[in-house]
Structure formats: C-alpha cells, structure tokens
Amino acid sequence: MNGKQLGLSVVLAAFAALNAYVVYEYGYVGFFQLVLANAATVAALVDLTIALSLVTLWMWQDARERGMSPLPYAVLTLTLGSIGPLLYLIRREGGEQVRKLSAVRAG
C-alpha cells in the first residue's frame, strides 16, 4: 500500500464511521427527513448530487479505459455516496502500482 492509498483509506474509514454514526443516531429515514428539512440542506443535497454525478461519469470512463468494471463503484456511489469513488481510487492506485512495476520488469 502506497501513501496515496493509505491517505484515501484513512478518509474512507473516517467517512464510513461518520455514516455509521448518522444511521445509528437518526436512521435512514431520519437522515433524509433532515436533508430535506429546509432550502439550505436541499441546496447542499443538490450540490452533492451534481458533484457525485460528475465523479461517477469520470469514474465510469476511467474504469472502462483501464479494463475495470465501473458498475460496483457506481452502485456504491448511488447507495453510499463518496464511499464508491473512494474505493475506486484506492483500487485504481493499486492497479497503477502494478502497471508501473510490470513496465520496470519488462523494460
């Protein structure tokens, strides 16, 4: 595991713990009730939806170019938000290391 993967893993673990706490404290229904409580939280939800949609489009194209299936990461993004892209980046970085090592051995 390299430094990028370690950093991404720390962010992933912290974000997953936060999500688990929110679900424990408020439940899924309570979370969505709070997110839709006023115009400010709806604006934040719309902004997050736009950002994650753009990330998903990039992730889909990048995964296809690398010969990976983007579907699991897209599903995770739809269901768990940023957890999908974080896992994708961790896996992508691991694949990058393998490609670099193979190029060094072949060269």
PDB file of N, CA and C in Angstrom:
ATOM      1  N   MET A   1       0.859  -1.183   0.000  1.00  0.00           N
ATOM      2  CA  MET A   1       0.000   0.000   0.000  1.00  0.00           C
ATOM      3  C   MET A   1       0.898   1.236   0.000  1.00  0.00           C
ATOM      4  N   ASN A   2       0.643   2.145  -0.942  1.00  0.00           N
ATOM      5  CA  ASN A   2       1.454   3.354  -1.005  1.00  0.00           C
ATOM      6  C   ASN A   2       0.803   4.480  -0.206  1.00  0.00           C
ATOM      7  N   GLY A   3       1.447   5.637  -0.205  1.00  0.00           N
ATOM      8  CA  GLY A   3       0.960   6.774   0.580  1.00  0.00           C
ATOM      9  C   GLY A   3      -0.418   7.261   0.154  1.00  0.00           C
ATOM     10  N   LYS A   4      -0.656   7.283  -1.164  1.00  0.00           N
ATOM     11  CA  LYS A   4      -1.972   7.724  -1.653  1.00  0.00           C
ATOM     12  C   LYS A   4      -3.075   6.780  -1.176  1.00  0.00           C
ATOM     13  N   GLN A   5      -2.808   5.493  -1.286  1.00  0.00           N
ATOM     14  CA  GLN A   5      -3.803   4.521  -0.845  1.00  0.00           C
ATOM     15  C   GLN A   5      -4.041   4.623   0.660  1.00  0.00           C
ATOM     16  N   LEU A   6      -2.969   4.848   1.397  1.00  0.00           N
ATOM     17  CA  LEU A   6      -3.106   4.991   2.849  1.00  0.00           C
ATOM     18  C   LEU A   6      -3.953   6.219   3.196  1.00  0.00           C
ATOM     19  N   GLY A   7      -3.660   7.342   2.555  1.00  0.00           N
ATOM     20  CA  GLY A   7      -4.444   8.556   2.799  1.00  0.00           C
ATOM     21  C   GLY A   7      -5.907   8.382   2.436  1.00  0.00           C
ATOM     22  N   LEU A   8      -6.156   7.784   1.269  1.00  0.00           N
ATOM     23  CA  LEU A   8      -7.534   7.525   0.849  1.00  0.00           C
ATOM     24  C   LEU A   8      -8.234   6.565   1.810  1.00  0.00           C
ATOM     25  N   SER A   9      -7.500   5.583   2.304  1.00  0.00           N
ATOM     26  CA  SER A   9      -8.076   4.619   3.242  1.00  0.00           C
ATOM     27  C   SER A   9      -8.465   5.277   4.564  1.00  0.00           C
ATOM     28  N   VAL A  10      -7.650   6.216   5.015  1.00  0.00           N
ATOM     29  CA  VAL A  10      -7.978   6.949   6.247  1.00  0.00           C
ATOM     30  C   VAL A  10      -9.251   7.765   6.049  1.00  0.00           C
ATOM     31  N   VAL A  11      -9.333   8.458   4.915  1.00  0.00           N
ATOM     32  CA  VAL A  11     -10.541   9.253   4.615  1.00  0.00           C
ATOM     33  C   VAL A  11     -11.755   8.333   4.513  1.00  0.00           C
ATOM     34  N   LEU A  12     -11.594   7.203   3.827  1.00  0.00           N
ATOM     35  CA  LEU A  12     -12.693   6.245   3.688  1.00  0.00           C
ATOM     36  C   LEU A  12     -13.155   5.735   5.049  1.00  0.00           C
ATOM     37  N   ALA A  13     -12.223   5.353   5.902  1.00  0.00           N
ATOM     38  CA  ALA A  13     -12.589   4.827   7.229  1.00  0.00           C
ATOM     39  C   ALA A  13     -13.310   5.884   8.062  1.00  0.00           C
ATOM     40  N   ALA A  14     -12.823   7.120   8.027  1.00  0.00           N
ATOM     41  CA  ALA A  14     -13.459   8.198   8.790  1.00  0.00           C
ATOM     42  C   ALA A  14     -14.860   8.490   8.259  1.00  0.00           C
ATOM     43  N   PHE A  15     -15.002   8.536   6.935  1.00  0.00           N
ATOM     44  CA  PHE A  15     -16.303   8.821   6.341  1.00  0.00           C
ATOM     45  C   PHE A  15     -17.289   7.682   6.589  1.00  0.00           C
ATOM     46  N   ALA A  16     -16.822   6.445   6.502  1.00  0.00           N
ATOM     47  CA  ALA A  16     -17.694   5.292   6.776  1.00  0.00           C
ATOM     48  C   ALA A  16     -18.137   5.299   8.236  1.00  0.00           C
ATOM     49  N   ALA A  17     -17.231   5.657   9.140  1.00  0.00           N
ATOM     50  CA  ALA A  17     -17.595   5.743  10.559  1.00  0.00           C
ATOM     51  C   ALA A  17     -18.631   6.839  10.785  1.00  0.00           C
ATOM     52  N   LEU A  18     -18.461   7.967  10.133  1.00  0.00           N
ATOM     53  CA  LEU A  18     -19.450   9.051  10.241  1.00  0.00           C
ATOM     54  C   LEU A  18     -20.810   8.592   9.725  1.00  0.00           C
ATOM     55  N   ASN A  19     -20.817   7.915   8.592  1.00  0.00           N
ATOM     56  CA  ASN A  19     -22.080   7.406   8.042  1.00  0.00           C
ATOM     57  C   ASN A  19     -22.733   6.415   8.988  1.00  0.00           C
ATOM     58  N   ALA A  20     -21.945   5.531   9.562  1.00  0.00           N
ATOM     59  CA  ALA A  20     -22.490   4.553  10.503  1.00  0.00           C
ATOM     60  C   ALA A  20     -23.094   5.250  11.717  1.00  0.00           C
ATOM     61  N   TYR A  21     -22.424   6.278  12.216  1.00  0.00           N
ATOM     62  CA  TYR A  21     -22.941   7.040  13.349  1.00  0.00           C
ATOM     63  C   TYR A  21     -24.267   7.715  12.995  1.00  0.00           C
ATOM     64  N   VAL A  22     -24.323   8.335  11.825  1.00  0.00           N
ATOM     65  CA  VAL A  22     -25.549   9.033  11.407  1.00  0.00           C
ATOM     66  C   VAL A  22     -26.713   8.050  11.287  1.00  0.00           C
ATOM     67  N   VAL A  23     -26.461   6.898  10.678  1.00  0.00           N
ATOM     68  CA  VAL A  23     -27.527   5.891  10.532  1.00  0.00           C
ATOM     69  C   VAL A  23     -27.945   5.372  11.902  1.00  0.00           C
ATOM     70  N   TYR A  24     -26.983   5.155  12.793  1.00  0.00           N
ATOM     71  CA  TYR A  24     -27.297   4.703  14.150  1.00  0.00           C
ATOM     72  C   TYR A  24     -28.124   5.754  14.893  1.00  0.00           C
ATOM     73  N   GLU A  25     -27.715   7.002  14.786  1.00  0.00           N
ATOM     74  CA  GLU A  25     -28.357   8.092  15.530  1.00  0.00           C
ATOM     75  C   GLU A  25     -29.733   8.466  14.967  1.00  0.00           C
ATOM     76  N   TYR A  26     -29.859   8.532  13.633  1.00  0.00           N
ATOM     77  CA  TYR A  26     -31.084   9.053  13.013  1.00  0.00           C
ATOM     78  C   TYR A  26     -31.824   8.039  12.147  1.00  0.00           C
ATOM     79  N   GLY A  27     -31.168   6.969  11.724  1.00  0.00           N
ATOM     80  CA  GLY A  27     -31.768   6.021  10.791  1.00  0.00           C
ATOM     81  C   GLY A  27     -31.768   6.602   9.386  1.00  0.00           C
ATOM     82  N   TYR A  28     -32.037   5.756   8.398  1.00  0.00           N
ATOM     83  CA  TYR A  28     -32.053   6.226   7.013  1.00  0.00           C
ATOM     84  C   TYR A  28     -33.166   7.241   6.782  1.00  0.00           C
ATOM     85  N   VAL A  29     -34.342   6.949   7.275  1.00  0.00           N
ATOM     86  CA  VAL A  29     -35.490   7.841   7.071  1.00  0.00           C
ATOM     87  C   VAL A  29     -35.244   9.180   7.752  1.00  0.00           C
ATOM     88  N   GLY A  30     -34.739   9.144   8.972  1.00  0.00           N
ATOM     89  CA  GLY A  30     -34.447  10.380   9.694  1.00  0.00           C
ATOM     90  C   GLY A  30     -33.398  11.217   8.989  1.00  0.00           C
ATOM     91  N   PHE A  31     -32.395  10.562   8.410  1.00  0.00           N
ATOM     92  CA  PHE A  31     -31.371  11.274   7.658  1.00  0.00           C
ATOM     93  C   PHE A  31     -31.993  12.047   6.502  1.00  0.00           C
ATOM     94  N   PHE A  32     -32.845  11.373   5.723  1.00  0.00           N
ATOM     95  CA  PHE A  32     -33.457  12.051   4.571  1.00  0.00           C
ATOM     96  C   PHE A  32     -34.456  13.124   5.001  1.00  0.00           C
ATOM     97  N   GLN A  33     -35.121  12.926   6.118  1.00  0.00           N
ATOM     98  CA  GLN A  33     -36.006  13.980   6.628  1.00  0.00           C
ATOM     99  C   GLN A  33     -35.196  15.228   6.970  1.00  0.00           C
ATOM    100  N   LEU A  34     -34.046  15.051   7.590  1.00  0.00           N
ATOM    101  CA  LEU A  34     -33.200  16.191   7.940  1.00  0.00           C
ATOM    102  C   LEU A  34     -32.589  16.842   6.699  1.00  0.00           C
ATOM    103  N   VAL A  35     -32.201  16.032   5.724  1.00  0.00           N
ATOM    104  CA  VAL A  35     -31.615  16.579   4.495  1.00  0.00           C
ATOM    105  C   VAL A  35     -32.639  17.423   3.738  1.00  0.00           C
ATOM    106  N   LEU A  36     -33.897  17.064   3.830  1.00  0.00           N
ATOM    107  CA  LEU A  36     -34.951  17.789   3.113  1.00  0.00           C
ATOM    108  C   LEU A  36     -35.672  18.803   4.005  1.00  0.00           C
ATOM    109  N   ALA A  37     -35.084  19.134   5.141  1.00  0.00           N
ATOM    110  CA  ALA A  37     -35.753  19.975   6.137  1.00  0.00           C
ATOM    111  C   ALA A  37     -35.916  21.431   5.722  1.00  0.00           C
ATOM    112  N   ASN A  38     -34.986  21.974   4.948  1.00  0.00           N
ATOM    113  CA  ASN A  38     -35.086  23.380   4.555  1.00  0.00           C
ATOM    114  C   ASN A  38     -34.326  23.614   3.256  1.00  0.00           C
ATOM    115  N   ALA A  39     -34.416  24.827   2.735  1.00  0.00           N
ATOM    116  CA  ALA A  39     -33.814  25.136   1.434  1.00  0.00           C
ATOM    117  C   ALA A  39     -32.293  24.985   1.456  1.00  0.00           C
ATOM    118  N   ALA A  40     -31.654  25.318   2.572  1.00  0.00           N
ATOM    119  CA  ALA A  40     -30.194  25.219   2.648  1.00  0.00           C
ATOM    120  C   ALA A  40     -29.732  23.768   2.548  1.00  0.00           C
ATOM    121  N   THR A  41     -30.408  22.868   3.241  1.00  0.00           N
ATOM    122  CA  THR A  41     -29.997  21.468   3.190  1.00  0.00           C
ATOM    123  C   THR A  41     -30.350  20.844   1.837  1.00  0.00           C
ATOM    124  N   VAL A  42     -31.448  21.282   1.228  1.00  0.00           N
ATOM    125  CA  VAL A  42     -31.802  20.800  -0.110  1.00  0.00           C
ATOM    126  C   VAL A  42     -30.752  21.274  -1.116  1.00  0.00           C
ATOM    127  N   ALA A  43     -30.295  22.522  -0.981  1.00  0.00           N
ATOM    128  CA  ALA A  43     -29.256  23.043  -1.875  1.00  0.00           C
ATOM    129  C   ALA A  43     -27.970  22.233  -1.726  1.00  0.00           C
ATOM    130  N   ALA A  44     -27.614  21.881  -0.502  1.00  0.00           N
ATOM    131  CA  ALA A  44     -26.421  21.061  -0.278  1.00  0.00           C
ATOM    132  C   ALA A  44     -26.594  19.681  -0.902  1.00  0.00           C
ATOM    133  N   LEU A  45     -27.795  19.101  -0.787  1.00  0.00           N
ATOM    134  CA  LEU A  45     -28.071  17.802  -1.389  1.00  0.00           C
ATOM    135  C   LEU A  45     -27.965  17.864  -2.911  1.00  0.00           C
ATOM    136  N   VAL A  46     -28.525  18.904  -3.512  1.00  0.00           N
ATOM    137  CA  VAL A  46     -28.458  19.060  -4.968  1.00  0.00           C
ATOM    138  C   VAL A  46     -27.007  19.230  -5.410  1.00  0.00           C
ATOM    139  N   ASP A  47     -26.240  20.033  -4.678  1.00  0.00           N
ATOM    140  CA  ASP A  47     -24.829  20.232  -4.998  1.00  0.00           C
ATOM    141  C   ASP A  47     -24.069  18.909  -4.920  1.00  0.00           C
ATOM    142  N   LEU A  48     -24.300  18.148  -3.868  1.00  0.00           N
ATOM    143  CA  LEU A  48     -23.648  16.854  -3.711  1.00  0.00           C
ATOM    144  C   LEU A  48     -24.057  15.900  -4.826  1.00  0.00           C
ATOM    145  N   THR A  49     -25.312  15.931  -5.212  1.00  0.00           N
ATOM    146  CA  THR A  49     -25.793  15.072  -6.291  1.00  0.00           C
ATOM    147  C   THR A  49     -25.104  15.408  -7.607  1.00  0.00           C
ATOM    148  N   ILE A  50     -24.977  16.701  -7.903  1.00  0.00           N
ATOM    149  CA  ILE A  50     -24.290  17.123  -9.130  1.00  0.00           C
ATOM    150  C   ILE A  50     -22.830  16.686  -9.091  1.00  0.00           C
ATOM    151  N   ALA A  51     -22.152  16.935  -7.976  1.00  0.00           N
ATOM    152  CA  ALA A  51     -20.730  16.592  -7.860  1.00  0.00           C
ATOM    153  C   ALA A  51     -20.516  15.084  -7.987  1.00  0.00           C
ATOM    154  N   LEU A  52     -21.325  14.289  -7.297  1.00  0.00           N
ATOM    155  CA  LEU A  52     -21.164  12.841  -7.378  1.00  0.00           C
ATOM    156  C   LEU A  52     -21.537  12.298  -8.753  1.00  0.00           C
ATOM    157  N   SER A  53     -22.466  12.955  -9.439  1.00  0.00           N
ATOM    158  CA  SER A  53     -22.789  12.546 -10.809  1.00  0.00           C
ATOM    159  C   SER A  53     -21.598  12.770 -11.727  1.00  0.00           C
ATOM    160  N   LEU A  54     -20.941  13.920 -11.597  1.00  0.00           N
ATOM    161  CA  LEU A  54     -19.756  14.199 -12.407  1.00  0.00           C
ATOM    162  C   LEU A  54     -18.623  13.222 -12.081  1.00  0.00           C
ATOM    163  N   VAL A  55     -18.425  12.928 -10.804  1.00  0.00           N
ATOM    164  CA  VAL A  55     -17.391  11.970 -10.396  1.00  0.00           C
ATOM    165  C   VAL A  55     -17.724  10.585 -10.949  1.00  0.00           C
ATOM    166  N   THR A  56     -18.983  10.203 -10.916  1.00  0.00           N
ATOM    167  CA  THR A  56     -19.387   8.889 -11.427  1.00  0.00           C
ATOM    168  C   THR A  56     -19.140   8.787 -12.928  1.00  0.00           C
ATOM    169  N   LEU A  57     -19.439   9.852 -13.661  1.00  0.00           N
ATOM    170  CA  LEU A  57     -19.166   9.841 -15.107  1.00  0.00           C
ATOM    171  C   LEU A  57     -17.676   9.686 -15.374  1.00  0.00           C
ATOM    172  N   TRP A  58     -16.834  10.420 -14.634  1.00  0.00           N
ATOM    173  CA  TRP A  58     -15.382  10.294 -14.798  1.00  0.00           C
ATOM    174  C   TRP A  58     -14.934   8.883 -14.434  1.00  0.00           C
ATOM    175  N   MET A  59     -15.437   8.391 -13.303  1.00  0.00           N
ATOM    176  CA  MET A  59     -15.051   7.077 -12.814  1.00  0.00           C
ATOM    177  C   MET A  59     -15.430   6.000 -13.836  1.00  0.00           C
ATOM    178  N   TRP A  60     -16.606   6.120 -14.416  1.00  0.00           N
ATOM    179  CA  TRP A  60     -17.090   5.146 -15.394  1.00  0.00           C
ATOM    180  C   TRP A  60     -16.143   5.098 -16.594  1.00  0.00           C
ATOM    181  N   GLN A  61     -15.822   6.273 -17.128  1.00  0.00           N
ATOM    182  CA  GLN A  61     -14.941   6.345 -18.296  1.00  0.00           C
ATOM    183  C   GLN A  61     -13.531   5.859 -17.949  1.00  0.00           C
ATOM    184  N   ASP A  62     -13.007   6.276 -16.818  1.00  0.00           N
ATOM    185  CA  ASP A  62     -11.664   5.878 -16.405  1.00  0.00           C
ATOM    186  C   ASP A  62     -11.575   4.377 -16.189  1.00  0.00           C
ATOM    187  N   ALA A  63     -12.570   3.807 -15.550  1.00  0.00           N
ATOM    188  CA  ALA A  63     -12.568   2.358 -15.300  1.00  0.00           C
ATOM    189  C   ALA A  63     -12.609   1.588 -16.615  1.00  0.00           C
ATOM    190  N   ARG A  64     -13.429   2.028 -17.557  1.00  0.00           N
ATOM    191  CA  ARG A  64     -13.518   1.346 -18.853  1.00  0.00           C
ATOM    192  C   ARG A  64     -12.186   1.403 -19.588  1.00  0.00           C
ATOM    193  N   GLU A  65     -11.504   2.559 -19.530  1.00  0.00           N
ATOM    194  CA  GLU A  65     -10.199   2.706 -20.179  1.00  0.00           C
ATOM    195  C   GLU A  65      -9.162   1.780 -19.560  1.00  0.00           C
ATOM    196  N   ARG A  66      -9.312   1.451 -18.282  1.00  0.00           N
ATOM    197  CA  ARG A  66      -8.359   0.603 -17.566  1.00  0.00           C
ATOM    198  C   ARG A  66      -8.782  -0.870 -17.573  1.00  0.00           C
ATOM    199  N   GLY A  67      -9.886  -1.176 -18.234  1.00  0.00           N
ATOM    200  CA  GLY A  67     -10.344  -2.562 -18.304  1.00  0.00           C
ATOM    201  C   GLY A  67     -10.976  -3.055 -17.012  1.00  0.00           C
ATOM    202  N   MET A  68     -11.457  -2.128 -16.200  1.00  0.00           N
ATOM    203  CA  MET A  68     -12.121  -2.472 -14.938  1.00  0.00           C
ATOM    204  C   MET A  68     -13.627  -2.309 -15.104  1.00  0.00           C
ATOM    205  N   SER A  69     -14.384  -3.019 -14.303  1.00  0.00           N
ATOM    206  CA  SER A  69     -15.831  -2.824 -14.309  1.00  0.00           C
ATOM    207  C   SER A  69     -16.189  -1.650 -13.401  1.00  0.00           C
ATOM    208  N   PRO A  70     -16.845  -0.636 -13.948  1.00  0.00           N
ATOM    209  CA  PRO A  70     -17.227   0.507 -13.124  1.00  0.00           C
ATOM    210  C   PRO A  70     -18.515   0.288 -12.333  1.00  0.00           C
ATOM    211  N   LEU A  71     -19.254  -0.761 -12.661  1.00  0.00           N
ATOM    212  CA  LEU A  71     -20.577  -0.965 -12.084  1.00  0.00           C
ATOM    213  C   LEU A  71     -20.591  -1.040 -10.553  1.00  0.00           C
ATOM    214  N   PRO A  72     -19.718  -1.819  -9.910  1.00  0.00           N
ATOM    215  CA  PRO A  72     -19.790  -1.875  -8.442  1.00  0.00           C
ATOM    216  C   PRO A  72     -19.567  -0.509  -7.790  1.00  0.00           C
ATOM    217  N   TYR A  73     -18.673   0.275  -8.361  1.00  0.00           N
ATOM    218  CA  TYR A  73     -18.366   1.581  -7.790  1.00  0.00           C
ATOM    219  C   TYR A  73     -19.498   2.581  -8.037  1.00  0.00           C
ATOM    220  N   ALA A  74     -20.145   2.460  -9.188  1.00  0.00           N
ATOM    221  CA  ALA A  74     -21.290   3.326  -9.477  1.00  0.00           C
ATOM    222  C   ALA A  74     -22.461   2.997  -8.545  1.00  0.00           C
ATOM    223  N   VAL A  75     -22.695   1.710  -8.313  1.00  0.00           N
ATOM    224  CA  VAL A  75     -23.772   1.300  -7.400  1.00  0.00           C
ATOM    225  C   VAL A  75     -23.471   1.780  -5.980  1.00  0.00           C
ATOM    226  N   LEU A  76     -22.218   1.623  -5.558  1.00  0.00           N
ATOM    227  CA  LEU A  76     -21.840   2.112  -4.229  1.00  0.00           C
ATOM    228  C   LEU A  76     -22.022   3.624  -4.119  1.00  0.00           C
ATOM    229  N   THR A  77     -21.711   4.338  -5.188  1.00  0.00           N
ATOM    230  CA  THR A  77     -21.884   5.795  -5.179  1.00  0.00           C
ATOM    231  C   THR A  77     -23.360   6.151  -5.053  1.00  0.00           C
ATOM    232  N   LEU A  78     -24.213   5.447  -5.778  1.00  0.00           N
ATOM    233  CA  LEU A  78     -25.651   5.717  -5.700  1.00  0.00           C
ATOM    234  C   LEU A  78     -26.219   5.408  -4.321  1.00  0.00           C
ATOM    235  N   THR A  79     -25.680   4.389  -3.660  1.00  0.00           N
ATOM    236  CA  THR A  79     -26.239   3.973  -2.373  1.00  0.00           C
ATOM    237  C   THR A  79     -25.516   4.558  -1.168  1.00  0.00           C
ATOM    238  N   LEU A  80     -24.197   4.767  -1.280  1.00  0.00           N
ATOM    239  CA  LEU A  80     -23.413   5.206  -0.121  1.00  0.00           C
ATOM    240  C   LEU A  80     -22.613   6.479  -0.357  1.00  0.00           C
ATOM    241  N   GLY A  81     -22.892   7.169  -1.465  1.00  0.00           N
ATOM    242  CA  GLY A  81     -22.219   8.441  -1.715  1.00  0.00           C
ATOM    243  C   GLY A  81     -20.745   8.282  -2.019  1.00  0.00           C
ATOM    244  N   SER A  82     -19.925   9.065  -1.372  1.00  0.00           N
ATOM    245  CA  SER A  82     -18.489   9.148  -1.670  1.00  0.00           C
ATOM    246  C   SER A  82     -17.717   7.871  -1.383  1.00  0.00           C
ATOM    247  N   ILE A  83     -18.322   6.915  -0.733  1.00  0.00           N
ATOM    248  CA  ILE A  83     -17.635   5.652  -0.463  1.00  0.00           C
ATOM    249  C   ILE A  83     -17.273   4.948  -1.776  1.00  0.00           C
ATOM    250  N   GLY A  84     -18.148   5.019  -2.776  1.00  0.00           N
ATOM    251  CA  GLY A  84     -17.870   4.404  -4.078  1.00  0.00           C
ATOM    252  C   GLY A  84     -16.627   4.975  -4.743  1.00  0.00           C
ATOM    253  N   PRO A  85     -16.552   6.287  -4.939  1.00  0.00           N
ATOM    254  CA  PRO A  85     -15.349   6.859  -5.549  1.00  0.00           C
ATOM    255  C   PRO A  85     -14.081   6.651  -4.719  1.00  0.00           C
ATOM    256  N   LEU A  86     -14.197   6.697  -3.401  1.00  0.00           N
ATOM    257  CA  LEU A  86     -13.017   6.471  -2.571  1.00  0.00           C
ATOM    258  C   LEU A  86     -12.477   5.049  -2.770  1.00  0.00           C
ATOM    259  N   LEU A  87     -13.361   4.063  -2.769  1.00  0.00           N
ATOM    260  CA  LEU A  87     -12.926   2.683  -3.010  1.00  0.00           C
ATOM    261  C   LEU A  87     -12.337   2.528  -4.410  1.00  0.00           C
ATOM    262  N   TYR A  88     -12.958   3.184  -5.383  1.00  0.00           N
ATOM    263  CA  TYR A  88     -12.435   3.131  -6.750  1.00  0.00           C
ATOM    264  C   TYR A  88     -11.023   3.700  -6.811  1.00  0.00           C
ATOM    265  N   LEU A  89     -10.805   4.849  -6.190  1.00  0.00           N
ATOM    266  CA  LEU A  89      -9.475   5.466  -6.218  1.00  0.00           C
ATOM    267  C   LEU A  89      -8.438   4.597  -5.517  1.00  0.00           C
ATOM    268  N   ILE A  90      -8.809   3.942  -4.429  1.00  0.00           N
ATOM    269  CA  ILE A  90      -7.883   3.043  -3.743  1.00  0.00           C
ATOM    270  C   ILE A  90      -7.503   1.882  -4.665  1.00  0.00           C
ATOM    271  N   ARG A  91      -8.489   1.298  -5.307  1.00  0.00           N
ATOM    272  CA  ARG A  91      -8.220   0.180  -6.229  1.00  0.00           C
ATOM    273  C   ARG A  91      -7.439   0.649  -7.441  1.00  0.00           C
ATOM    274  N   ARG A  92      -7.801   1.797  -7.976  1.00  0.00           N
ATOM    275  CA  ARG A  92      -7.125   2.361  -9.147  1.00  0.00           C
ATOM    276  C   ARG A  92      -5.652   2.609  -8.841  1.00  0.00           C
ATOM    277  N   GLU A  93      -5.368   3.158  -7.697  1.00  0.00           N
ATOM    278  CA  GLU A  93      -3.981   3.428  -7.307  1.00  0.00           C
ATOM    279  C   GLU A  93      -3.192   2.125  -7.177  1.00  0.00           C
ATOM    280  N   GLY A  94      -3.827   1.084  -6.659  1.00  0.00           N
ATOM    281  CA  GLY A  94      -3.165  -0.213  -6.578  1.00  0.00           C
ATOM    282  C   GLY A  94      -2.854  -0.778  -7.949  1.00  0.00           C
ATOM    283  N   GLY A  95      -3.764  -0.614  -8.892  1.00  0.00           N
ATOM    284  CA  GLY A  95      -3.547  -1.066 -10.265  1.00  0.00           C
ATOM    285  C   GLY A  95      -2.444  -0.278 -10.944  1.00  0.00           C
ATOM    286  N   GLU A  96      -2.337   1.000 -10.619  1.00  0.00           N
ATOM    287  CA  GLU A  96      -1.283   1.856 -11.184  1.00  0.00           C
ATOM    288  C   GLU A  96       0.090   1.354 -10.740  1.00  0.00           C
ATOM    289  N   GLN A  97       0.202   0.964  -9.477  1.00  0.00           N
ATOM    290  CA  GLN A  97       1.470   0.430  -8.979  1.00  0.00           C
ATOM    291  C   GLN A  97       1.849  -0.859  -9.704  1.00  0.00           C
ATOM    292  N   VAL A  98       0.875  -1.714  -9.954  1.00  0.00           N
ATOM    293  CA  VAL A  98       1.134  -2.972 -10.649  1.00  0.00           C
ATOM    294  C   VAL A  98       1.623  -2.696 -12.063  1.00  0.00           C
ATOM    295  N   ARG A  99       0.986  -1.736 -12.760  1.00  0.00           N
ATOM    296  CA  ARG A  99       1.391  -1.403 -14.132  1.00  0.00           C
ATOM    297  C   ARG A  99       2.820  -0.845 -14.161  1.00  0.00           C
ATOM    298  N   LYS A 100       3.145   0.024 -13.215  1.00  0.00           N
ATOM    299  CA  LYS A 100       4.497   0.601 -13.163  1.00  0.00           C
ATOM    300  C   LYS A 100       5.533  -0.476 -12.893  1.00  0.00           C
ATOM    301  N   LEU A 101       5.238  -1.398 -11.989  1.00  0.00           N
ATOM    302  CA  LEU A 101       6.160  -2.481 -11.678  1.00  0.00           C
ATOM    303  C   LEU A 101       6.350  -3.396 -12.876  1.00  0.00           C
ATOM    304  N   SER A 102       5.269  -3.677 -13.592  1.00  0.00           N
ATOM    305  CA  SER A 102       5.360  -4.521 -14.786  1.00  0.00           C
ATOM    306  C   SER A 102       6.195  -3.851 -15.869  1.00  0.00           C
ATOM    307  N   ALA A 103       6.034  -2.533 -16.027  1.00  0.00           N
ATOM    308  CA  ALA A 103       6.802  -1.792 -17.027  1.00  0.00           C
ATOM    309  C   ALA A 103       8.296  -1.799 -16.683  1.00  0.00           C
ATOM    310  N   VAL A 104       8.619  -1.690 -15.410  1.00  0.00           N
ATOM    311  CA  VAL A 104      10.018  -1.711 -14.989  1.00  0.00           C
ATOM    312  C   VAL A 104      10.625  -3.084 -15.249  1.00  0.00           C
ATOM    313  N   ARG A 105       9.887  -4.132 -14.941  1.00  0.00           N
ATOM    314  CA  ARG A 105      10.376  -5.500 -15.159  1.00  0.00           C
ATOM    315  C   ARG A 105      10.542  -5.802 -16.653  1.00  0.00           C
ATOM    316  N   ALA A 106       9.614  -5.293 -17.476  1.00  0.00           N
ATOM    317  CA  ALA A 106       9.655  -5.556 -18.909  1.00  0.00           C
ATOM    318  C   ALA A 106      10.741  -4.733 -19.605  1.00  0.00           C
ATOM    319  N   GLY A 107      11.046  -3.555 -19.041  1.00  0.00           N
ATOM    320  CA  GLY A 107      11.980  -2.622 -19.682  1.00  0.00           C
ATOM    321  C   GLY A 107      13.373  -2.940 -19.380  1.00  0.00           C
TER     322      GLY A 107
END
